[in-house]
Amino acid sequence: MIKREDILHKTTYVWKENEKYTSIIKNDGSRVILNKKDSDIWKIINDDDTVDDIIRHMKDTMSANQVEDRLEEFIKIGIITNEDMFWGDDLL
């Protein structure tokens, strides 16, 4: 499991393979995708998709209410904090 001290940066609203995930960048530079339902490590992505490309796709396919619901779930299980909320304001 990822420890809090391992985390360099947290990015929300990642869209991958038709599911919504949170991407965590660890201090060693690796990117880990967390499962939206149970916050387990889902997979490490090593592909050509950029976060911006994934977000652009999600913005076109997900309603503002769905984004807000997902954020509330992430906050409840501690993946993101209220301070992270501003990052996604452009999506709403």
Protein backbone atom coordinates (compact mmCIF):
# COMPACT_ATOMS: atom_id res chain seq x y z
CA MET A 1 0.00 0.00 0.00
CA ILE A 2 1.14 3.54 -0.68
CA LYS A 3 2.22 5.53 2.35
CA ARG A 4 1.42 9.22 2.60
CA GLU A 5 5.15 10.08 2.66
CA ASP A 6 5.59 8.29 -0.69
CA ILE A 7 3.24 10.71 -2.44
CA LEU A 8 4.70 13.64 -4.34
CA HIS A 9 1.57 14.83 -6.15
CA LYS A 10 -2.08 13.84 -6.41
CA THR A 11 -4.12 14.42 -9.55
CA THR A 12 -7.86 13.86 -9.68
CA TYR A 13 -10.30 13.27 -12.53
CA VAL A 14 -8.21 10.76 -14.44
CA TRP A 15 -10.21 8.82 -17.01
CA LYS A 16 -8.83 5.46 -18.10
CA GLU A 17 -10.56 2.56 -19.86
CA ASN A 18 -14.06 3.95 -19.17
CA GLU A 19 -13.54 4.28 -15.42
CA LYS A 20 -12.72 7.26 -13.23
CA TYR A 21 -9.56 7.12 -11.14
CA THR A 22 -7.21 9.25 -9.13
CA SER A 23 -3.61 9.35 -10.30
CA ILE A 24 -0.93 9.58 -7.62
CA ILE A 25 2.65 10.54 -8.52
CA LYS A 26 5.09 8.96 -6.07
CA ASN A 27 8.36 10.57 -5.01
CA ASP A 28 10.28 8.14 -7.22
CA GLY A 29 8.42 9.55 -10.24
CA SER A 30 6.15 6.56 -10.85
CA ARG A 31 2.45 7.11 -11.46
CA VAL A 32 -0.10 4.88 -9.73
CA ILE A 33 -3.80 4.71 -10.54
CA LEU A 34 -6.11 4.03 -7.60
CA ASN A 35 -9.35 2.10 -8.02
CA LYS A 36 -12.38 4.34 -7.62
CA LYS A 37 -14.32 1.90 -5.43
CA ASP A 38 -11.87 0.53 -2.88
CA SER A 39 -8.77 2.72 -3.33
CA ASP A 40 -6.54 -0.30 -3.96
CA ILE A 41 -3.67 0.13 -6.37
CA TRP A 42 -5.18 -0.66 -9.75
CA LYS A 43 -2.30 -0.42 -12.15
CA ILE A 44 0.69 1.65 -13.12
CA ILE A 45 0.27 3.19 -16.52
CA ASN A 46 3.20 3.27 -18.90
CA ASP A 47 1.54 4.44 -22.06
CA ASP A 48 1.45 7.53 -24.24
CA ASP A 49 -1.71 9.08 -22.80
CA THR A 50 -1.13 12.35 -21.03
CA VAL A 51 -3.24 13.42 -18.09
CA ASP A 52 -4.51 16.34 -20.18
CA ASP A 53 -5.70 13.99 -22.94
CA ILE A 54 -7.49 11.78 -20.43
CA ILE A 55 -9.12 14.77 -18.71
CA ARG A 56 -10.23 16.22 -22.04
CA HIS A 57 -11.96 12.93 -22.86
CA MET A 58 -13.63 12.78 -19.45
CA LYS A 59 -14.86 16.36 -19.72
CA ASP A 60 -16.70 15.42 -22.91
CA THR A 61 -18.26 12.24 -21.50
CA MET A 62 -19.08 12.95 -17.84
CA SER A 63 -21.64 15.30 -16.30
CA ALA A 64 -20.75 17.90 -13.67
CA ASN A 65 -22.88 16.02 -11.12
CA GLN A 66 -20.94 12.81 -11.76
CA VAL A 67 -17.66 14.66 -11.26
CA GLU A 68 -18.89 16.13 -7.97
CA ASP A 69 -20.14 12.75 -6.73
CA ARG A 70 -16.81 11.13 -7.52
CA LEU A 71 -14.90 13.92 -5.74
CA GLU A 72 -16.99 13.47 -2.61
CA GLU A 73 -16.17 9.76 -2.61
CA PHE A 74 -12.45 10.48 -3.01
CA ILE A 75 -12.51 12.96 -0.13
CA LYS A 76 -14.38 10.52 2.15
CA ILE A 77 -11.81 7.76 1.66
CA GLY A 78 -8.90 10.19 1.93
CA ILE A 79 -7.45 10.00 -1.59
CA ILE A 80 -7.84 13.74 -2.11
CA THR A 81 -8.47 16.68 0.18
CA ASN A 82 -10.62 19.76 -0.10
CA GLU A 83 -7.48 21.64 -1.14
CA ASP A 84 -7.36 19.54 -4.31
CA MET A 85 -10.86 20.61 -5.35
CA PHE A 86 -9.80 23.79 -7.17
CA TRP A 87 -7.82 21.74 -9.67
CA GLY A 88 -10.98 20.48 -11.33
CA ASP A 89 -13.06 23.65 -11.35
CA ASP A 90 -12.63 24.00 -15.11
CA LEU A 91 -14.46 20.70 -15.59
CA LEU A 92 -17.67 21.85 -13.89
